[in-house]
Amino acid sequence: MSVVRRFTIVAFVAALLCGLAYGVGSASQAGSLPWQRPVEDVTPVADRPDAKVPADLPTTDAPDESADDPTDGPAAEPEEPVEPELVPGPALVAPGDSGDDVRDLQARLAQIDWFNADVTGFYGDVTEAAVRGFQAKREIPVTGEVDRRTLDRLLAMTTEPTEAELTGQTATNAPGALDPRCLEGRVLCVDKSSNTLRWVVDGDVQKTVDVRFGGEFTPTREGVFSVFQKSRDHVSSLYDTPMPFAMFFSGGQAVHYSPDFAAVGYDGASHGCVNVRDYDGIAWLYDQVQIGDTVVVYWS
């Protein structure tokens, strides 16, 4: 190899080594190698002594324990609303009353099977019991008297009573044959066979009502009599019982209205009198019959 070529190679190698040495020195001075780079401070901002916590960051304060403190006792239960107590209104019809209003009441109660007796127009024990039952069933104050609330409810449940319902014709007894002694003049014709009384004027029947008679030990006398006394508001001196529209024909026996007959029907008996249960009917008869008119009591 020539001297020149060797010199060239030596110079090239020397230059290369110089360049490499320069690069290593620069790198060590600048700390540019990865493992020589300073480690970044990764301490959380909140933990640095000089750090300021942003206002919108949540704090780590202890929870408010007052919200969980137990109360002195159990929470009070809400009070249930108190329903207002129903108060009955003024009585429109009541026990002891009589007339068309009572007839209408009885007929309507009969339509809905609350009244099973005869429609008489008298507000007795049976009618009162029917009204009480009707009121209790519909949670109306139970008084046995008919106030506006009771009547309105009854009217809504029933229809206008027919004439037959109002007069009790569907429950009247079928009269038997007229006794010949009843065909002349003015006669109260009383038939024990059919339990009927007919008011007959010159053979023409003007009025028929149901009747009942005395019991086994106080029978109603039979035969022909005449009315010798009338007493509209009579009270028995023997039994201290009312005998409205009394028309006496034989001793203490009379034709008169009977509240008991109106209430219990033929389950009872009189003390010998001829009981009538149709209040309006006997009131009408009382105004027609005169002292001296004939009374015939017979079996047909």
Protein backbone atom coordinates (compact mmCIF):
# COMPACT_ATOMS: atom_id res chain seq x y z
CA MET A 1 0.00 0.00 0.00
CA SER A 2 1.31 3.38 -0.83
CA VAL A 3 2.19 5.91 1.72
CA VAL A 4 -0.43 8.30 0.43
CA ARG A 5 -3.26 5.80 0.72
CA ARG A 6 -2.30 4.88 4.28
CA PHE A 7 -2.20 8.51 5.22
CA THR A 8 -5.67 9.02 3.80
CA ILE A 9 -7.16 6.12 5.78
CA VAL A 10 -5.54 7.30 9.00
CA ALA A 11 -6.87 10.80 8.49
CA PHE A 12 -10.40 9.51 7.82
CA VAL A 13 -10.41 7.37 10.94
CA ALA A 14 -9.09 10.22 13.04
CA ALA A 15 -11.77 12.52 11.75
CA LEU A 16 -14.44 9.93 12.48
CA LEU A 17 -13.26 9.46 16.03
CA CYS A 18 -13.18 13.19 16.61
CA GLY A 19 -16.76 13.55 15.44
CA LEU A 20 -17.94 10.73 17.64
CA ALA A 21 -16.23 12.18 20.67
CA TYR A 22 -17.85 15.54 20.04
CA GLY A 23 -21.35 13.98 19.86
CA VAL A 24 -20.95 12.09 23.11
CA GLY A 25 -19.80 15.15 24.94
CA SER A 26 -22.72 17.22 23.72
CA ALA A 27 -25.19 14.59 24.79
CA SER A 28 -23.82 14.36 28.32
CA GLN A 29 -23.88 18.09 28.74
CA ALA A 30 -27.46 18.50 27.55
CA GLY A 31 -28.77 15.43 29.41
CA SER A 32 -30.50 14.38 26.30
CA LEU A 33 -30.34 10.67 26.93
CA PRO A 34 -33.63 9.14 28.07
CA TRP A 35 -32.39 7.81 31.40
CA GLN A 36 -30.63 11.13 32.09
CA ARG A 37 -33.74 13.29 31.66
CA PRO A 38 -35.09 14.80 34.89
CA VAL A 39 -38.12 12.96 36.35
CA GLU A 40 -41.37 14.96 36.10
CA ASP A 41 -43.06 15.93 39.34
CA VAL A 42 -46.19 13.75 39.42
CA THR A 43 -47.29 14.79 42.89
CA PRO A 44 -51.09 15.56 42.84
CA VAL A 45 -51.86 19.24 42.79
CA ALA A 46 -53.91 19.05 45.92
CA ASP A 47 -51.03 17.51 47.89
CA ARG A 48 -48.45 20.14 47.07
CA PRO A 49 -47.75 22.57 49.88
CA ASP A 50 -48.13 25.57 47.65
CA ALA A 51 -51.09 24.25 45.70
CA LYS A 52 -54.43 26.05 45.63
CA VAL A 53 -57.54 23.91 45.42
CA PRO A 54 -59.97 25.12 42.77
CA ALA A 55 -63.26 26.27 44.17
CA ASP A 56 -65.29 23.85 42.06
CA LEU A 57 -63.51 20.72 43.28
CA PRO A 58 -65.45 18.62 45.82
CA THR A 59 -64.16 18.70 49.35
CA THR A 60 -63.50 15.66 51.48
CA ASP A 61 -65.11 17.01 54.62
CA ALA A 62 -66.89 14.50 56.86
CA PRO A 63 -70.63 14.03 56.11
CA ASP A 64 -73.20 15.92 58.15
CA GLU A 65 -74.23 13.38 60.74
CA SER A 66 -77.11 15.50 61.96
CA ALA A 67 -79.24 14.32 59.05
CA ASP A 68 -78.97 10.73 60.23
CA ASP A 69 -79.55 11.41 63.91
CA PRO A 70 -82.50 9.34 65.16
CA THR A 71 -85.53 11.29 66.34
CA ASP A 72 -86.85 11.11 69.86
CA GLY A 73 -89.70 8.78 68.83
CA PRO A 74 -91.55 7.22 65.90
CA ALA A 75 -93.01 9.55 63.32
CA ALA A 76 -96.64 10.43 64.00
CA GLU A 77 -99.09 8.65 61.73
CA PRO A 78 -101.36 10.90 59.69
CA GLU A 79 -104.83 11.20 61.19
CA GLU A 80 -107.63 9.63 59.21
CA PRO A 81 -110.29 12.09 58.09
CA VAL A 82 -113.41 11.91 60.23
CA GLU A 83 -116.60 11.45 58.25
CA PRO A 84 -119.33 13.87 59.23
CA GLU A 85 -122.11 12.24 61.24
CA LEU A 86 -125.43 12.10 59.43
CA VAL A 87 -128.16 13.91 61.29
CA PRO A 88 -131.81 13.01 60.61
CA GLY A 89 -133.99 15.75 59.22
CA PRO A 90 -137.42 16.84 60.38
CA ALA A 91 -140.05 14.09 60.19
CA LEU A 92 -142.44 14.35 57.25
CA VAL A 93 -144.56 11.42 58.46
CA ALA A 94 -144.09 9.53 61.72
CA PRO A 95 -145.67 6.85 63.93
CA GLY A 96 -149.22 7.77 64.88
CA ASP A 97 -149.89 9.66 61.63
CA SER A 98 -152.59 8.63 59.20
CA GLY A 99 -153.90 9.59 55.79
CA ASP A 100 -152.89 9.57 52.13
CA ASP A 101 -149.19 10.19 52.78
CA VAL A 102 -149.03 7.10 54.96
CA ARG A 103 -150.89 5.07 52.33
CA ASP A 104 -148.37 6.16 49.71
CA LEU A 105 -145.52 5.26 52.05
CA GLN A 106 -146.92 1.80 52.78
CA ALA A 107 -147.63 1.08 49.11
CA ARG A 108 -144.11 2.07 48.08
CA LEU A 109 -142.50 0.03 50.85
CA ALA A 110 -144.64 -2.92 49.74
CA GLN A 111 -143.28 -2.58 46.19
CA ILE A 112 -139.75 -3.32 47.43
CA ASP A 113 -140.84 -6.00 49.94
CA TRP A 114 -140.26 -3.97 53.08
CA PHE A 115 -143.96 -3.80 54.01
CA ASN A 116 -145.99 -7.02 53.96
CA ALA A 117 -149.11 -5.96 55.84
CA ASP A 118 -152.27 -4.34 54.51
CA VAL A 119 -152.17 -0.77 53.24
CA THR A 120 -154.32 0.98 55.83
CA GLY A 121 -153.17 4.59 55.92
CA PHE A 122 -152.17 4.32 59.58
CA TYR A 123 -148.53 4.65 60.67
CA GLY A 124 -148.34 1.87 63.25
CA ASP A 125 -145.68 -0.49 64.57
CA VAL A 126 -145.45 -2.52 61.36
CA THR A 127 -144.92 0.58 59.24
CA GLU A 128 -142.34 1.93 61.66
CA ALA A 129 -140.43 -1.38 61.61
CA ALA A 130 -140.45 -1.34 57.80
CA VAL A 131 -139.08 2.21 57.73
CA ARG A 132 -136.36 1.34 60.23
CA GLY A 133 -135.27 -1.62 58.14
CA PHE A 134 -135.25 0.46 54.97
CA GLN A 135 -133.14 3.16 56.64
CA ALA A 136 -130.63 0.73 58.14
CA LYS A 137 -130.12 -1.04 54.81
CA ARG A 138 -129.22 2.25 53.14
CA GLU A 139 -127.17 3.74 55.98
CA ILE A 140 -129.72 6.46 56.67
CA PRO A 141 -130.08 7.52 60.34
CA VAL A 142 -132.47 4.93 61.78
CA THR A 143 -135.36 6.74 63.43
CA GLY A 144 -138.47 4.96 62.19
CA GLU A 145 -139.66 8.35 60.94
CA VAL A 146 -139.64 9.47 57.33
CA ASP A 147 -137.46 12.52 56.75
CA ARG A 148 -136.54 14.09 53.40
CA ARG A 149 -133.49 11.85 52.89
CA THR A 150 -135.53 8.70 53.52
CA LEU A 151 -138.37 9.81 51.27
CA ASP A 152 -136.09 10.82 48.39
CA ARG A 153 -134.37 7.44 48.47
CA LEU A 154 -137.71 5.62 48.57
CA LEU A 155 -139.10 7.67 45.68
CA ALA A 156 -136.02 6.87 43.59
CA MET A 157 -136.52 3.13 44.13
CA THR A 158 -140.27 2.87 43.56
CA THR A 159 -143.01 3.87 41.14
CA GLU A 160 -146.22 5.82 41.62
CA PRO A 161 -148.60 3.47 43.47
CA THR A 162 -151.71 2.39 41.61
CA GLU A 163 -155.19 2.90 43.00
CA ALA A 164 -155.32 -0.79 43.85
CA GLU A 165 -152.04 -0.54 45.77
CA LEU A 166 -153.20 2.55 47.65
CA THR A 167 -156.55 1.09 48.64
CA GLY A 168 -155.23 -2.37 49.43
CA GLN A 169 -157.70 -3.97 47.04
CA THR A 170 -155.25 -6.73 46.28
CA ALA A 171 -155.43 -7.82 49.94
CA THR A 172 -159.13 -7.36 50.73
CA ASN A 173 -161.42 -10.21 51.60
CA ALA A 174 -164.03 -11.39 49.11
CA PRO A 175 -167.47 -10.66 50.59
CA GLY A 176 -170.12 -13.34 50.73
CA ALA A 177 -173.81 -13.10 49.93
CA LEU A 178 -175.80 -10.26 51.45
CA ASP A 179 -178.17 -11.22 54.19
CA PRO A 180 -181.78 -10.42 53.20
CA ARG A 181 -182.03 -8.23 56.29
CA CYS A 182 -179.39 -5.95 54.74
CA LEU A 183 -181.46 -5.11 51.64
CA GLU A 184 -183.75 -2.48 53.13
CA GLY A 185 -182.86 0.88 54.66
CA ARG A 186 -179.43 1.93 55.93
CA VAL A 187 -177.51 -1.08 57.21
CA LEU A 188 -174.04 -1.94 58.47
CA CYS A 189 -173.98 -5.50 57.11
CA VAL A 190 -171.31 -7.51 58.98
CA ASP A 191 -170.42 -10.94 57.53
CA LYS A 192 -168.44 -13.23 59.85
CA SER A 193 -167.86 -15.78 57.08
CA SER A 194 -165.90 -13.41 54.84
CA ASN A 195 -164.61 -11.01 57.53
CA THR A 196 -166.20 -8.07 55.76
CA LEU A 197 -168.44 -5.14 56.61
CA ARG A 198 -170.57 -3.52 53.91
CA TRP A 199 -172.41 -0.25 54.15
CA VAL A 200 -175.65 -0.83 52.30
CA VAL A 201 -178.30 1.79 51.50
CA ASP A 202 -181.57 0.43 50.11
CA GLY A 203 -179.85 -2.70 48.81
CA ASP A 204 -176.97 -0.77 47.17
CA VAL A 205 -173.48 -1.50 48.58
CA GLN A 206 -171.72 1.83 49.14
CA LYS A 207 -168.55 0.68 50.90
CA THR A 208 -166.76 -2.57 51.82
CA VAL A 209 -164.00 -2.92 54.43
CA ASP A 210 -162.19 -5.81 56.09
CA VAL A 211 -163.06 -6.55 59.72
CA ARG A 212 -162.14 -8.94 62.52
CA PHE A 213 -164.12 -10.07 65.54
CA GLY A 214 -163.86 -11.11 69.16
CA GLY A 215 -161.92 -14.14 70.32
CA GLU A 216 -163.16 -17.42 71.79
CA PHE A 217 -163.96 -15.96 75.20
CA THR A 218 -165.19 -12.57 73.99
CA PRO A 219 -167.18 -13.34 70.84
CA THR A 220 -168.96 -10.71 68.80
CA ARG A 221 -172.70 -11.02 69.20
CA GLU A 222 -174.79 -12.01 66.20
CA GLY A 223 -178.21 -10.71 65.19
CA VAL A 224 -179.90 -7.45 64.28
CA PHE A 225 -179.04 -4.31 66.25
CA SER A 226 -179.05 -0.55 65.83
CA VAL A 227 -176.47 2.15 66.41
CA PHE A 228 -177.25 3.86 69.71
CA GLN A 229 -174.05 5.86 70.32
CA LYS A 230 -171.17 7.37 68.34
CA SER A 231 -167.83 8.54 69.74
CA ARG A 232 -165.13 9.80 67.37
CA ASP A 233 -162.20 9.70 69.81
CA HIS A 234 -163.43 7.02 72.20
CA VAL A 235 -161.14 5.25 74.69
CA SER A 236 -162.27 1.98 76.28
CA SER A 237 -163.07 2.35 79.98
CA LEU A 238 -162.50 -1.41 80.47
CA TYR A 239 -159.21 -1.89 78.60
CA ASP A 240 -157.92 1.69 78.37
CA THR A 241 -157.34 1.29 74.63
CA PRO A 242 -158.26 3.75 71.86
CA MET A 243 -161.42 3.05 69.85
CA PRO A 244 -161.47 5.78 67.17
CA PHE A 245 -164.73 6.29 65.23
CA ALA A 246 -166.67 4.02 67.60
CA MET A 247 -170.29 3.22 66.67
CA PHE A 248 -171.89 1.22 69.50
CA PHE A 249 -174.59 -1.30 68.61
CA SER A 250 -174.75 -3.83 71.52
CA GLY A 251 -173.67 -2.92 75.06
CA GLY A 252 -169.94 -2.22 74.95
CA GLN A 253 -169.52 -3.73 71.48
CA ALA A 254 -168.96 -1.29 68.66
CA VAL A 255 -167.67 -0.96 65.14
CA HIS A 256 -164.42 1.05 65.36
CA TYR A 257 -160.93 1.52 63.97
CA SER A 258 -158.21 -0.75 65.42
CA PRO A 259 -154.51 0.17 65.21
CA ASP A 260 -153.69 -3.36 66.34
CA PHE A 261 -155.69 -4.88 63.49
CA ALA A 262 -153.89 -2.56 61.09
CA ALA A 263 -150.53 -3.66 62.48
CA VAL A 264 -150.86 -7.44 62.97
CA GLY A 265 -153.94 -8.38 60.95
CA TYR A 266 -155.72 -11.59 61.89
CA ASP A 267 -153.00 -12.70 64.29
CA GLY A 268 -155.01 -10.93 66.99
CA ALA A 269 -158.66 -10.53 67.96
CA SER A 270 -160.93 -7.98 69.58
CA HIS A 271 -162.73 -8.14 72.92
CA GLY A 272 -166.02 -8.46 71.06
CA CYS A 273 -166.02 -5.33 68.90
CA VAL A 274 -165.98 -5.25 65.12
CA ASN A 275 -162.47 -4.01 64.29
CA VAL A 276 -161.80 -2.10 61.07
CA ARG A 277 -158.19 -1.64 59.83
CA ASP A 278 -158.86 0.84 57.03
CA TYR A 279 -158.49 4.21 58.75
CA ASP A 280 -159.83 6.30 55.90
CA GLY A 281 -162.60 3.80 55.30
CA ILE A 282 -163.90 3.86 58.87
CA ALA A 283 -163.56 7.64 59.01
CA TRP A 284 -165.79 7.86 55.93
CA LEU A 285 -168.28 5.38 57.39
CA TYR A 286 -168.45 7.29 60.67
CA ASP A 287 -169.60 10.38 58.79
CA GLN A 288 -172.30 8.41 56.94
CA VAL A 289 -173.81 6.34 59.75
CA GLN A 290 -176.47 7.94 61.92
CA ILE A 291 -177.89 7.03 65.30
CA GLY A 292 -180.65 4.45 64.71
CA ASP A 293 -179.13 2.86 61.60
CA THR A 294 -179.34 -0.94 61.49
CA VAL A 295 -176.46 -3.33 62.21
CA VAL A 296 -176.74 -6.96 61.04
CA VAL A 297 -174.10 -9.48 62.18
CA TYR A 298 -174.42 -12.87 60.47
CA TRP A 299 -172.74 -15.84 58.76
CA SER A 300 -173.10 -16.02 55.01
